[in-house]
Amino acid sequence: MKKLFLIIGAPGSGKTTDAEIIAKYNGNSIVHYSTGDLLRAEIASGSELGKTIESFTSKGNLVPLNIVIDTIISAIKSADKDVILIDGFPRSVEQMEALDKILKGEKDIELVSVIEVEVSEDVAKDRVLGRARGADDNEEVFYNRMKVYTEPLKDIQDFYTQKGILKKINGERTIEEIVGDMESFIKSKI
């Protein structure tokens, strides 16, 4: 049985870095996938699918549901570890509902928890504009990405709270504190 943890948070919340560190510390049992990295890898491949993905991400918009869901389910099924961290998903009510529907039919994947890394918009903005990873790290795209993140957030929080699997972590502390909290929580659930 694969145990799935979804890690959500605003752009710049540190969710990818946190998950990478936890997977690195626990390389024998935990694997991490960033939804953004999976999609960026497809873009970098130069494929037709990659060009389609880029037409959405370059504007800070969500990639179509079927592409994201297929990418994630494929990553989970091919994972060589039983504990899987996926960050940056779900980012919409539609993504959340589609994943929930698919997982209901999967006997070998259990969604254990959704971990939300909470940061203020100011902290998120400072981090994103400070890292400037690519063309999408500018103020206009940042505000669009924040809007895309925050609009469905309450519905996503409510859905996973009703299932009893939402865990919130303060993302405005040192990376060691955040990773320590998240890692302890994950280990307590496996």
C-alpha atoms as a PDB file:
ATOM      1  CA  MET A   1       0.000   0.000   0.000  1.00  0.00           C
ATOM      2  CA  LYS A   2       1.454   3.329  -1.088  1.00  0.00           C
ATOM      3  CA  LYS A   3       0.958   6.152   1.397  1.00  0.00           C
ATOM      4  CA  LEU A   4       0.422   9.529  -0.252  1.00  0.00           C
ATOM      5  CA  PHE A   5       0.987  12.941   1.331  1.00  0.00           C
ATOM      6  CA  LEU A   6       0.002  16.055  -0.616  1.00  0.00           C
ATOM      7  CA  ILE A   7       1.799  19.274   0.320  1.00  0.00           C
ATOM      8  CA  ILE A   8       0.108  22.537  -0.600  1.00  0.00           C
ATOM      9  CA  GLY A   9       1.115  26.140  -0.060  1.00  0.00           C
ATOM     10  CA  ALA A  10       1.373  29.487  -1.771  1.00  0.00           C
ATOM     11  CA  PRO A  11       4.082  30.110  -4.384  1.00  0.00           C
ATOM     12  CA  GLY A  12       7.221  30.680  -2.300  1.00  0.00           C
ATOM     13  CA  SER A  13       5.872  28.859   0.786  1.00  0.00           C
ATOM     14  CA  GLY A  14       8.853  26.490   0.701  1.00  0.00           C
ATOM     15  CA  LYS A  15       6.737  23.357   0.115  1.00  0.00           C
ATOM     16  CA  THR A  16       9.044  21.922  -2.561  1.00  0.00           C
ATOM     17  CA  THR A  17      12.234  22.552  -0.577  1.00  0.00           C
ATOM     18  CA  ASP A  18      10.681  21.072   2.585  1.00  0.00           C
ATOM     19  CA  ALA A  19       9.576  17.913   0.771  1.00  0.00           C
ATOM     20  CA  GLU A  20      12.944  17.552  -1.030  1.00  0.00           C
ATOM     21  CA  ILE A  21      14.829  17.675   2.278  1.00  0.00           C
ATOM     22  CA  ILE A  22      12.530  15.121   3.934  1.00  0.00           C
ATOM     23  CA  ALA A  23      12.874  12.746   0.966  1.00  0.00           C
ATOM     24  CA  LYS A  24      16.667  13.186   1.013  1.00  0.00           C
ATOM     25  CA  TYR A  25      16.888  12.417   4.756  1.00  0.00           C
ATOM     26  CA  ASN A  26      14.656   9.365   4.288  1.00  0.00           C
ATOM     27  CA  GLY A  27      15.815   8.179   0.878  1.00  0.00           C
ATOM     28  CA  ASN A  28      15.235   4.526   1.700  1.00  0.00           C
ATOM     29  CA  SER A  29      11.509   4.991   2.400  1.00  0.00           C
ATOM     30  CA  ILE A  30      10.214   8.333   1.031  1.00  0.00           C
ATOM     31  CA  VAL A  31      10.113   9.721  -2.501  1.00  0.00           C
ATOM     32  CA  HIS A  32       9.143  13.276  -3.464  1.00  0.00           C
ATOM     33  CA  TYR A  33       7.621  14.658  -6.641  1.00  0.00           C
ATOM     34  CA  SER A  34       6.963  18.312  -7.291  1.00  0.00           C
ATOM     35  CA  THR A  35       4.015  18.835  -9.613  1.00  0.00           C
ATOM     36  CA  GLY A  36       5.860  21.875 -10.976  1.00  0.00           C
ATOM     37  CA  ASP A  37       9.059  19.868 -11.597  1.00  0.00           C
ATOM     38  CA  LEU A  38       7.135  17.075 -13.337  1.00  0.00           C
ATOM     39  CA  LEU A  39       5.493  19.641 -15.634  1.00  0.00           C
ATOM     40  CA  ARG A  40       8.753  21.617 -16.158  1.00  0.00           C
ATOM     41  CA  ALA A  41      10.525  18.374 -17.142  1.00  0.00           C
ATOM     42  CA  GLU A  42       7.881  17.805 -19.807  1.00  0.00           C
ATOM     43  CA  ILE A  43       8.348  21.384 -21.069  1.00  0.00           C
ATOM     44  CA  ALA A  44      12.141  20.911 -21.148  1.00  0.00           C
ATOM     45  CA  SER A  45      11.736  17.737 -23.213  1.00  0.00           C
ATOM     46  CA  GLY A  46      10.448  19.918 -26.060  1.00  0.00           C
ATOM     47  CA  SER A  47       7.502  17.566 -26.663  1.00  0.00           C
ATOM     48  CA  GLU A  48       4.155  18.704 -28.039  1.00  0.00           C
ATOM     49  CA  LEU A  49       2.705  18.052 -24.584  1.00  0.00           C
ATOM     50  CA  GLY A  50       5.464  20.242 -23.108  1.00  0.00           C
ATOM     51  CA  LYS A  51       4.569  23.086 -25.482  1.00  0.00           C
ATOM     52  CA  THR A  52       0.913  22.808 -24.439  1.00  0.00           C
ATOM     53  CA  ILE A  53       1.885  22.885 -20.750  1.00  0.00           C
ATOM     54  CA  GLU A  54       4.121  25.922 -21.295  1.00  0.00           C
ATOM     55  CA  SER A  55       1.308  27.856 -22.953  1.00  0.00           C
ATOM     56  CA  PHE A  56      -0.472  27.760 -19.557  1.00  0.00           C
ATOM     57  CA  THR A  57       2.431  27.991 -17.072  1.00  0.00           C
ATOM     58  CA  SER A  58       4.107  30.948 -18.806  1.00  0.00           C
ATOM     59  CA  LYS A  59       1.058  33.045 -17.867  1.00  0.00           C
ATOM     60  CA  GLY A  60       0.763  31.613 -14.348  1.00  0.00           C
ATOM     61  CA  ASN A  61      -2.394  29.678 -15.249  1.00  0.00           C
ATOM     62  CA  LEU A  62      -3.312  26.114 -14.297  1.00  0.00           C
ATOM     63  CA  VAL A  63      -2.404  23.289 -16.661  1.00  0.00           C
ATOM     64  CA  PRO A  64      -5.497  21.350 -17.891  1.00  0.00           C
ATOM     65  CA  LEU A  65      -6.857  18.828 -15.399  1.00  0.00           C
ATOM     66  CA  ASN A  66      -6.346  15.641 -17.425  1.00  0.00           C
ATOM     67  CA  ILE A  67      -2.656  16.433 -18.072  1.00  0.00           C
ATOM     68  CA  VAL A  68      -1.898  17.092 -14.394  1.00  0.00           C
ATOM     69  CA  ILE A  69      -3.859  14.092 -13.079  1.00  0.00           C
ATOM     70  CA  ASP A  70      -2.260  11.695 -15.612  1.00  0.00           C
ATOM     71  CA  THR A  71       1.203  13.044 -14.735  1.00  0.00           C
ATOM     72  CA  ILE A  72       0.642  12.586 -10.989  1.00  0.00           C
ATOM     73  CA  ILE A  73      -0.975   9.142 -11.097  1.00  0.00           C
ATOM     74  CA  SER A  74       1.806   7.942 -13.395  1.00  0.00           C
ATOM     75  CA  ALA A  75       4.455   9.251 -10.936  1.00  0.00           C
ATOM     76  CA  ILE A  76       2.732   7.557  -7.960  1.00  0.00           C
ATOM     77  CA  LYS A  77       2.387   4.201  -9.726  1.00  0.00           C
ATOM     78  CA  SER A  78       5.999   4.187 -10.907  1.00  0.00           C
ATOM     79  CA  ALA A  79       7.396   5.298  -7.513  1.00  0.00           C
ATOM     80  CA  ASP A  80       9.938   2.858  -6.085  1.00  0.00           C
ATOM     81  CA  LYS A  81       9.100   3.802  -2.464  1.00  0.00           C
ATOM     82  CA  ASP A  82       5.897   3.307  -0.467  1.00  0.00           C
ATOM     83  CA  VAL A  83       5.707   6.810   1.022  1.00  0.00           C
ATOM     84  CA  ILE A  84       5.146   9.500  -1.582  1.00  0.00           C
ATOM     85  CA  LEU A  85       5.207  13.266  -1.088  1.00  0.00           C
ATOM     86  CA  ILE A  86       3.691  15.352  -3.873  1.00  0.00           C
ATOM     87  CA  ASP A  87       3.809  19.102  -3.567  1.00  0.00           C
ATOM     88  CA  GLY A  88       1.826  21.724  -5.440  1.00  0.00           C
ATOM     89  CA  PHE A  89      -1.301  19.608  -5.806  1.00  0.00           C
ATOM     90  CA  PRO A  90      -4.262  19.992  -5.757  1.00  0.00           C
ATOM     91  CA  ARG A  91      -4.475  23.598  -6.915  1.00  0.00           C
ATOM     92  CA  SER A  92      -8.155  23.642  -7.804  1.00  0.00           C
ATOM     93  CA  VAL A  93     -11.422  22.108  -6.614  1.00  0.00           C
ATOM     94  CA  GLU A  94     -11.581  20.232  -9.935  1.00  0.00           C
ATOM     95  CA  GLN A  95      -8.096  18.723  -9.380  1.00  0.00           C
ATOM     96  CA  MET A  96      -9.044  17.768  -5.820  1.00  0.00           C
ATOM     97  CA  GLU A  97     -12.305  16.113  -6.884  1.00  0.00           C
ATOM     98  CA  ALA A  98     -10.698  14.298  -9.837  1.00  0.00           C
ATOM     99  CA  LEU A  99      -7.917  12.909  -7.627  1.00  0.00           C
ATOM    100  CA  ASP A 100     -10.429  11.881  -4.949  1.00  0.00           C
ATOM    101  CA  LYS A 101     -12.482  10.021  -7.558  1.00  0.00           C
ATOM    102  CA  ILE A 102      -9.405   8.215  -8.948  1.00  0.00           C
ATOM    103  CA  LEU A 103      -8.111   7.292  -5.477  1.00  0.00           C
ATOM    104  CA  LYS A 104     -11.472   5.752  -4.552  1.00  0.00           C
ATOM    105  CA  GLY A 105     -10.830   3.215  -7.319  1.00  0.00           C
ATOM    106  CA  GLU A 106      -7.203   2.566  -6.333  1.00  0.00           C
ATOM    107  CA  LYS A 107      -6.853  -0.154  -3.708  1.00  0.00           C
ATOM    108  CA  ASP A 108      -3.059   0.260  -3.385  1.00  0.00           C
ATOM    109  CA  ILE A 109      -2.855   4.049  -2.795  1.00  0.00           C
ATOM    110  CA  GLU A 110      -3.985   5.731   0.431  1.00  0.00           C
ATOM    111  CA  LEU A 111      -4.132   9.521   0.762  1.00  0.00           C
ATOM    112  CA  VAL A 112      -2.875   9.842   4.340  1.00  0.00           C
ATOM    113  CA  SER A 113      -2.755  13.632   4.710  1.00  0.00           C
ATOM    114  CA  VAL A 114      -2.789  17.005   3.007  1.00  0.00           C
ATOM    115  CA  ILE A 115      -0.185  19.278   4.606  1.00  0.00           C
ATOM    116  CA  GLU A 116      -0.627  23.013   4.115  1.00  0.00           C
ATOM    117  CA  VAL A 117       2.495  25.168   4.537  1.00  0.00           C
ATOM    118  CA  GLU A 118       1.090  28.533   5.608  1.00  0.00           C
ATOM    119  CA  VAL A 119       2.831  31.827   4.782  1.00  0.00           C
ATOM    120  CA  SER A 120       1.567  35.392   4.372  1.00  0.00           C
ATOM    121  CA  GLU A 121       1.334  36.925   0.897  1.00  0.00           C
ATOM    122  CA  ASP A 122       4.178  39.340   1.768  1.00  0.00           C
ATOM    123  CA  VAL A 123       6.546  36.513   2.744  1.00  0.00           C
ATOM    124  CA  ALA A 124       5.575  34.529  -0.357  1.00  0.00           C
ATOM    125  CA  LYS A 125       6.151  37.530  -2.636  1.00  0.00           C
ATOM    126  CA  ASP A 126       9.567  38.326  -1.111  1.00  0.00           C
ATOM    127  CA  ARG A 127      10.665  34.705  -1.551  1.00  0.00           C
ATOM    128  CA  VAL A 128       9.404  34.308  -5.131  1.00  0.00           C
ATOM    129  CA  LEU A 129      10.776  37.621  -6.398  1.00  0.00           C
ATOM    130  CA  GLY A 130      14.016  37.002  -4.490  1.00  0.00           C
ATOM    131  CA  ARG A 131      14.661  33.626  -6.134  1.00  0.00           C
ATOM    132  CA  ALA A 132      13.744  34.638  -9.720  1.00  0.00           C
ATOM    133  CA  ARG A 133      14.029  31.093 -11.081  1.00  0.00           C
ATOM    134  CA  GLY A 134      12.535  31.864 -14.452  1.00  0.00           C
ATOM    135  CA  ALA A 135      10.420  34.117 -16.637  1.00  0.00           C
ATOM    136  CA  ASP A 136       7.394  33.375 -14.460  1.00  0.00           C
ATOM    137  CA  ASP A 137       8.991  34.910 -11.339  1.00  0.00           C
ATOM    138  CA  ASN A 138       7.873  38.526 -11.747  1.00  0.00           C
ATOM    139  CA  GLU A 139       5.344  40.600  -9.803  1.00  0.00           C
ATOM    140  CA  GLU A 140       2.484  40.379 -12.300  1.00  0.00           C
ATOM    141  CA  VAL A 141       2.738  36.597 -12.655  1.00  0.00           C
ATOM    142  CA  PHE A 142       3.218  36.257  -8.871  1.00  0.00           C
ATOM    143  CA  TYR A 143      -0.070  38.040  -8.144  1.00  0.00           C
ATOM    144  CA  ASN A 144      -1.864  35.880 -10.714  1.00  0.00           C
ATOM    145  CA  ARG A 145      -0.353  32.722  -9.180  1.00  0.00           C
ATOM    146  CA  MET A 146      -1.430  33.885  -5.695  1.00  0.00           C
ATOM    147  CA  LYS A 147      -4.961  34.488  -6.955  1.00  0.00           C
ATOM    148  CA  VAL A 148      -5.017  31.058  -8.632  1.00  0.00           C
ATOM    149  CA  TYR A 149      -3.793  29.538  -5.327  1.00  0.00           C
ATOM    150  CA  THR A 150      -6.073  31.419  -2.913  1.00  0.00           C
ATOM    151  CA  GLU A 151      -9.383  31.340  -4.841  1.00  0.00           C
ATOM    152  CA  PRO A 152     -10.105  27.609  -4.284  1.00  0.00           C
ATOM    153  CA  LEU A 153      -8.133  27.339  -1.012  1.00  0.00           C
ATOM    154  CA  LYS A 154     -11.066  27.503   1.415  1.00  0.00           C
ATOM    155  CA  ASP A 155     -12.972  24.787  -0.486  1.00  0.00           C
ATOM    156  CA  ILE A 156      -9.848  22.594  -0.546  1.00  0.00           C
ATOM    157  CA  GLN A 157      -9.246  23.180   3.182  1.00  0.00           C
ATOM    158  CA  ASP A 158     -12.897  22.404   4.004  1.00  0.00           C
ATOM    159  CA  PHE A 159     -12.901  19.208   1.894  1.00  0.00           C
ATOM    160  CA  TYR A 160      -9.794  17.748   3.540  1.00  0.00           C
ATOM    161  CA  THR A 161     -10.803  18.995   7.016  1.00  0.00           C
ATOM    162  CA  GLN A 162     -14.090  17.072   6.663  1.00  0.00           C
ATOM    163  CA  LYS A 163     -12.051  13.966   5.809  1.00  0.00           C
ATOM    164  CA  GLY A 164      -9.946  14.636   8.916  1.00  0.00           C
ATOM    165  CA  ILE A 165      -6.653  14.713   6.984  1.00  0.00           C
ATOM    166  CA  LEU A 166      -5.692  18.421   6.727  1.00  0.00           C
ATOM    167  CA  LYS A 167      -2.564  19.404   8.696  1.00  0.00           C
ATOM    168  CA  LYS A 168      -1.392  23.033   8.777  1.00  0.00           C
ATOM    169  CA  ILE A 169       2.255  23.932   9.363  1.00  0.00           C
ATOM    170  CA  ASN A 170       3.619  27.436   9.946  1.00  0.00           C
ATOM    171  CA  GLY A 171       5.947  28.129   7.003  1.00  0.00           C
ATOM    172  CA  GLU A 172       7.365  31.374   8.396  1.00  0.00           C
ATOM    173  CA  ARG A 173       9.981  29.788  10.660  1.00  0.00           C
ATOM    174  CA  THR A 174      13.453  28.452   9.961  1.00  0.00           C
ATOM    175  CA  ILE A 175      13.670  25.681   7.401  1.00  0.00           C
ATOM    176  CA  GLU A 176      14.960  23.320  10.100  1.00  0.00           C
ATOM    177  CA  GLU A 177      11.865  23.939  12.261  1.00  0.00           C
ATOM    178  CA  ILE A 178       9.447  23.517   9.359  1.00  0.00           C
ATOM    179  CA  VAL A 179      11.122  20.359   8.037  1.00  0.00           C
ATOM    180  CA  GLY A 180      11.366  18.947  11.567  1.00  0.00           C
ATOM    181  CA  ASP A 181       7.628  19.457  12.168  1.00  0.00           C
ATOM    182  CA  MET A 182       6.637  18.076   8.787  1.00  0.00           C
ATOM    183  CA  GLU A 183       8.945  15.061   9.004  1.00  0.00           C
ATOM    184  CA  SER A 184       7.732  14.165  12.535  1.00  0.00           C
ATOM    185  CA  PHE A 185       4.127  14.434  11.405  1.00  0.00           C
ATOM    186  CA  ILE A 186       4.702  12.237   8.322  1.00  0.00           C
ATOM    187  CA  LYS A 187       6.557   9.603  10.347  1.00  0.00           C
ATOM    188  CA  SER A 188       3.742   9.587  12.943  1.00  0.00           C
ATOM    189  CA  LYS A 189       1.318   8.651  10.148  1.00  0.00           C
ATOM    190  CA  ILE A 190       3.334   5.801   8.623  1.00  0.00           C
END
